[in-house]
Amino acid sequence: MRPFLICLACAAFAAAPLGKAQDIADAPAGEAGTAASVSSAGSERRLAGAPARTRPAGAAYGPFRVLDEGRAALVDATDSHTPQQFAAMLQDHPGIRILEMIDCPGTEDDLANLQVGRMIRQRSISTYVPTGGSVRSGGVELFLAGVRRYADPGAEFAVHSWQDESGLEAADYAATSPENRRYTDYYRQMGMSAAEAIAFYAMTNAVPFSSARWFGAGEMAAWVPLDDVQIEVAPRFQFARYAPVLDSVPSLQ
């Protein structure tokens, strides 16, 4: 299933400017929430409006809550302060090895968010989305950072394009520009091949900043390996005819 999805996304990447809307299921901003304006440090990329969830008790470090000496939860958006808050939590609780992603609307600073993702991977922390957990927008990058990734069948994910302070989105920049390379480079650091990184990034940008594409653990498992997930990944498209386009995808190496 994963190679088929890669072929489809790469076909879209080769046929259209990066991030332009493709023929996929997407949700208008409306009830799904809208992405807010951008910050002065890094682009803001978040989706508000998820169903209310009870935040767990525990010591708070910005958007994180310490559940016990081995687990922490992410319950809010990250921002420019989050790398320092995350580092402080790990200094006080060095045994944390699992990050439960309960309500993750995204980030107010994409650059800081990617830094947190690298810290998660460097500390060999696993990411876990329980049933009812919601990982949206910039939160998806943090989920991918897990050295092992778990998602229950009732987990949900949402992706959309980023937008910078000038109002430009991913599609407005060349595929090999630094603005786009920072994400594909990050995905490769999280274990994807070059083709997988391009395909996944094209998928996340296939709906504009003002909208969102929602999907569950089954589709996430088709894009990246998940651990110990008892879900069926049902084929939704016919992909074989797209296989030849892999050779035509621009290299980001």
Protein backbone atom coordinates (compact mmCIF):
# COMPACT_ATOMS: atom_id res chain seq x y z
CA MET A 1 0.00 0.00 0.00
CA ARG A 2 2.74 2.49 0.87
CA PRO A 3 4.49 2.28 -2.54
CA PHE A 4 1.12 2.85 -4.27
CA LEU A 5 0.45 5.98 -2.21
CA ILE A 6 3.95 7.22 -2.96
CA CYS A 7 3.36 6.74 -6.68
CA LEU A 8 0.08 8.64 -6.53
CA ALA A 9 1.52 11.57 -4.61
CA CYS A 10 4.59 11.69 -6.82
CA ALA A 11 2.35 11.75 -9.88
CA ALA A 12 0.54 14.74 -8.46
CA PHE A 13 3.87 16.34 -7.58
CA ALA A 14 5.16 15.93 -11.12
CA ALA A 15 1.92 17.08 -12.77
CA ALA A 16 1.19 20.25 -10.80
CA PRO A 17 2.92 22.93 -8.69
CA LEU A 18 3.66 21.70 -5.20
CA GLY A 19 0.74 22.02 -2.83
CA LYS A 20 -2.05 22.88 -5.33
CA ALA A 21 -5.34 21.16 -4.52
CA GLN A 22 -5.67 17.65 -5.92
CA ASP A 23 -8.70 15.38 -6.26
CA ILE A 24 -8.68 14.10 -2.68
CA ALA A 25 -11.03 14.31 0.27
CA ASP A 26 -10.67 17.61 2.04
CA ALA A 27 -12.71 19.56 4.58
CA PRO A 28 -13.52 23.27 4.40
CA ALA A 29 -12.08 25.26 7.27
CA GLY A 30 -15.50 25.84 8.89
CA GLU A 31 -16.11 23.29 11.61
CA ALA A 32 -12.68 21.70 11.17
CA GLY A 33 -11.07 24.96 12.25
CA THR A 34 -8.95 27.50 10.47
CA ALA A 35 -5.26 28.12 10.53
CA ALA A 36 -4.42 31.42 12.19
CA SER A 37 -2.02 34.15 11.16
CA VAL A 38 1.71 33.65 11.21
CA SER A 39 4.22 34.52 13.89
CA SER A 40 7.34 36.62 13.49
CA ALA A 41 9.67 33.65 14.11
CA GLY A 42 8.30 30.74 12.10
CA SER A 43 5.08 30.15 10.21
CA GLU A 44 2.04 29.36 12.32
CA ARG A 45 0.31 26.16 11.29
CA ARG A 46 -2.51 24.96 13.47
CA LEU A 47 -6.13 23.81 13.30
CA ALA A 48 -8.45 24.80 16.11
CA GLY A 49 -11.94 23.59 16.80
CA ALA A 50 -11.40 19.96 17.74
CA PRO A 51 -13.91 18.43 20.19
CA ALA A 52 -13.10 19.39 23.77
CA ARG A 53 -11.02 16.83 25.63
CA THR A 54 -10.17 16.65 29.28
CA ARG A 55 -6.53 17.56 29.83
CA PRO A 56 -4.69 15.13 32.06
CA ALA A 57 -3.38 16.27 35.39
CA GLY A 58 0.36 16.47 35.95
CA ALA A 59 3.26 18.88 36.01
CA ALA A 60 2.92 21.31 33.12
CA TYR A 61 5.77 22.33 30.81
CA GLY A 62 4.13 24.54 28.22
CA PRO A 63 1.89 22.26 26.11
CA PHE A 64 3.21 19.10 27.83
CA ARG A 65 1.87 17.31 30.90
CA VAL A 66 3.88 14.72 32.82
CA LEU A 67 1.73 11.61 33.28
CA ASP A 68 4.33 9.56 35.15
CA GLU A 69 8.08 9.08 35.06
CA GLY A 70 7.88 7.26 31.75
CA ARG A 71 5.13 9.17 29.92
CA ALA A 72 4.19 12.71 28.98
CA ALA A 73 1.21 14.05 27.06
CA LEU A 74 0.97 16.81 24.45
CA VAL A 75 -2.28 18.73 24.93
CA ASP A 76 -1.87 22.06 23.12
CA ALA A 77 -0.07 23.88 20.32
CA THR A 78 3.69 24.37 20.36
CA ASP A 79 5.35 27.77 20.03
CA SER A 80 8.76 29.44 20.10
CA HIS A 81 9.19 28.55 23.80
CA THR A 82 8.45 24.84 23.41
CA PRO A 83 12.00 23.57 22.74
CA GLN A 84 13.14 25.05 26.07
CA GLN A 85 10.04 23.74 27.85
CA PHE A 86 10.53 20.27 26.40
CA ALA A 87 14.20 20.27 27.41
CA ALA A 88 13.28 21.35 30.94
CA MET A 89 10.71 18.54 31.21
CA LEU A 90 13.26 15.94 30.11
CA GLN A 91 15.85 17.31 32.54
CA ASP A 92 13.36 16.95 35.41
CA HIS A 93 11.95 13.63 34.16
CA PRO A 94 14.73 11.89 32.18
CA GLY A 95 12.88 8.58 32.08
CA ILE A 96 10.14 9.80 29.71
CA ARG A 97 10.03 7.48 26.73
CA ILE A 98 6.45 7.84 25.44
CA LEU A 99 4.70 11.01 24.29
CA GLU A 100 0.92 10.60 24.21
CA MET A 101 -0.61 12.95 21.66
CA ILE A 102 -4.06 13.80 23.00
CA ASP A 103 -5.04 17.18 21.55
CA CYS A 104 -2.38 18.57 19.21
CA PRO A 105 -3.69 21.49 17.12
CA GLY A 106 -0.32 22.32 15.58
CA THR A 107 2.18 25.08 16.13
CA GLU A 108 2.60 28.83 16.35
CA ASP A 109 6.22 28.50 15.18
CA ASP A 110 7.04 25.87 12.58
CA LEU A 111 10.81 26.24 12.99
CA ALA A 112 10.64 25.65 16.74
CA ASN A 113 8.23 22.77 16.11
CA LEU A 114 10.71 21.00 13.85
CA GLN A 115 13.36 21.51 16.52
CA VAL A 116 11.13 19.76 19.06
CA GLY A 117 10.64 16.91 16.60
CA ARG A 118 14.38 16.41 16.32
CA MET A 119 14.65 16.44 20.11
CA ILE A 120 12.00 13.72 20.33
CA ARG A 121 13.97 11.54 17.92
CA GLN A 122 17.33 12.26 19.58
CA ARG A 123 15.95 11.14 22.95
CA SER A 124 14.49 7.94 21.44
CA ILE A 125 10.97 8.87 22.52
CA SER A 126 8.00 7.04 20.99
CA THR A 127 4.80 8.82 19.95
CA TYR A 128 1.32 7.44 20.62
CA VAL A 129 -2.12 8.69 19.54
CA PRO A 130 -4.86 7.02 21.60
CA THR A 131 -8.44 6.51 20.48
CA GLY A 132 -9.98 9.98 20.34
CA GLY A 133 -6.57 11.63 20.11
CA SER A 134 -6.28 14.37 17.50
CA VAL A 135 -3.01 15.30 15.76
CA ARG A 136 -3.40 18.20 13.38
CA SER A 137 -1.33 20.44 11.19
CA GLY A 138 2.17 20.96 12.66
CA GLY A 139 1.44 18.24 15.23
CA VAL A 140 1.87 15.64 12.49
CA GLU A 141 5.59 16.44 12.27
CA LEU A 142 5.91 15.64 15.98
CA PHE A 143 4.08 12.34 15.55
CA LEU A 144 6.51 11.37 12.78
CA ALA A 145 9.42 12.10 15.11
CA GLY A 146 8.68 9.11 17.31
CA VAL A 147 11.41 6.47 17.27
CA ARG A 148 8.40 4.15 17.32
CA ARG A 149 4.93 5.35 16.35
CA TYR A 150 1.66 4.03 17.68
CA ALA A 151 -1.87 5.06 16.71
CA ASP A 152 -5.09 3.44 17.87
CA PRO A 153 -7.86 2.85 15.31
CA GLY A 154 -9.80 5.83 16.69
CA ALA A 155 -6.95 8.31 16.25
CA GLU A 156 -7.37 11.19 13.81
CA PHE A 157 -4.93 13.27 11.77
CA ALA A 158 -5.30 16.44 9.73
CA VAL A 159 -2.90 18.12 7.30
CA HIS A 160 -2.83 21.25 5.17
CA SER A 161 -0.38 23.64 3.56
CA TRP A 162 1.63 26.13 5.57
CA GLN A 163 1.49 29.88 4.94
CA ASP A 164 4.19 32.44 5.67
CA GLU A 165 3.95 36.03 6.87
CA SER A 166 3.64 37.22 3.26
CA GLY A 167 0.59 35.05 2.67
CA LEU A 168 2.51 32.64 0.43
CA GLU A 169 1.99 28.90 0.67
CA ALA A 170 4.16 25.92 -0.21
CA ALA A 171 2.90 25.92 -3.81
CA ASP A 172 4.18 29.48 -4.29
CA TYR A 173 7.81 28.39 -3.83
CA ALA A 174 9.95 26.14 -6.01
CA ALA A 175 10.01 22.52 -4.87
CA THR A 176 13.74 22.79 -4.15
CA SER A 177 13.54 26.13 -2.32
CA PRO A 178 14.78 26.32 1.30
CA GLU A 179 11.19 26.96 2.39
CA ASN A 180 10.14 23.55 1.07
CA ARG A 181 13.42 21.72 1.59
CA ARG A 182 13.27 22.19 5.37
CA TYR A 183 10.26 19.86 5.48
CA THR A 184 11.44 17.18 3.07
CA ASP A 185 14.84 17.21 4.79
CA TYR A 186 13.07 16.78 8.12
CA TYR A 187 11.01 13.84 6.85
CA ARG A 188 14.19 12.16 5.64
CA GLN A 189 15.75 12.69 9.07
CA MET A 190 12.69 10.92 10.48
CA GLY A 191 13.42 7.86 8.36
CA MET A 192 11.70 8.42 5.01
CA SER A 193 13.42 7.85 1.69
CA ALA A 194 13.71 10.79 -0.70
CA ALA A 195 10.70 9.57 -2.69
CA GLU A 196 8.65 9.00 0.46
CA ALA A 197 9.49 12.46 1.79
CA ILE A 198 8.46 14.13 -1.48
CA ALA A 199 5.25 12.12 -1.68
CA PHE A 200 4.21 12.73 1.92
CA TYR A 201 4.98 16.44 1.67
CA ALA A 202 2.98 16.73 -1.57
CA MET A 203 0.04 15.08 0.17
CA THR A 204 0.14 17.47 3.13
CA ASN A 205 0.17 20.46 0.78
CA ALA A 206 -2.56 19.17 -1.52
CA VAL A 207 -5.12 21.27 0.35
CA PRO A 208 -4.62 24.99 1.04
CA PHE A 209 -3.82 26.70 4.32
CA SER A 210 -7.50 27.57 4.89
CA SER A 211 -8.68 23.95 4.62
CA ALA A 212 -7.75 20.56 6.01
CA ARG A 213 -7.57 16.95 4.95
CA TRP A 214 -8.64 14.55 7.71
CA PHE A 215 -7.77 10.86 7.88
CA GLY A 216 -7.36 8.06 10.37
CA ALA A 217 -4.69 5.67 11.57
CA GLY A 218 -5.32 3.34 8.64
CA GLU A 219 -4.21 5.89 6.08
CA MET A 220 -1.32 7.08 8.23
CA ALA A 221 -0.10 3.48 8.34
CA ALA A 222 -0.07 3.50 4.54
CA TRP A 223 2.35 6.44 4.56
CA VAL A 224 4.70 5.58 7.41
CA PRO A 225 5.31 2.41 9.44
CA LEU A 226 3.26 2.17 12.63
CA ASP A 227 4.01 -0.24 15.45
CA ASP A 228 1.54 -2.74 16.94
CA VAL A 229 -1.50 -1.28 15.21
CA GLN A 230 -4.39 -3.63 14.59
CA ILE A 231 -6.04 -1.84 11.68
CA GLU A 232 -6.93 -2.77 8.14
CA VAL A 233 -5.50 -0.54 5.45
CA ALA A 234 -8.08 -0.76 2.68
CA PRO A 235 -7.03 0.27 -0.85
CA ARG A 236 -8.90 3.40 -1.94
CA PHE A 237 -7.35 4.10 -5.34
CA GLN A 238 -5.81 2.34 -8.29
CA PHE A 239 -2.18 3.39 -8.33
CA ALA A 240 -0.34 1.09 -10.73
CA ARG A 241 -0.56 3.46 -13.70
CA TYR A 242 1.40 6.09 -11.74
CA ALA A 243 4.47 3.92 -11.16
CA PRO A 244 6.48 5.27 -14.12
CA VAL A 245 6.39 8.85 -12.80
CA LEU A 246 8.78 7.99 -9.97
CA ASP A 247 11.62 8.43 -12.43
CA SER A 248 10.40 11.94 -13.30
CA VAL A 249 10.15 13.36 -9.79
CA PRO A 250 12.66 16.18 -9.20
CA SER A 251 15.46 15.14 -6.86
CA LEU A 252 15.82 16.98 -3.57
CA GLN A 253 19.12 15.36 -2.71
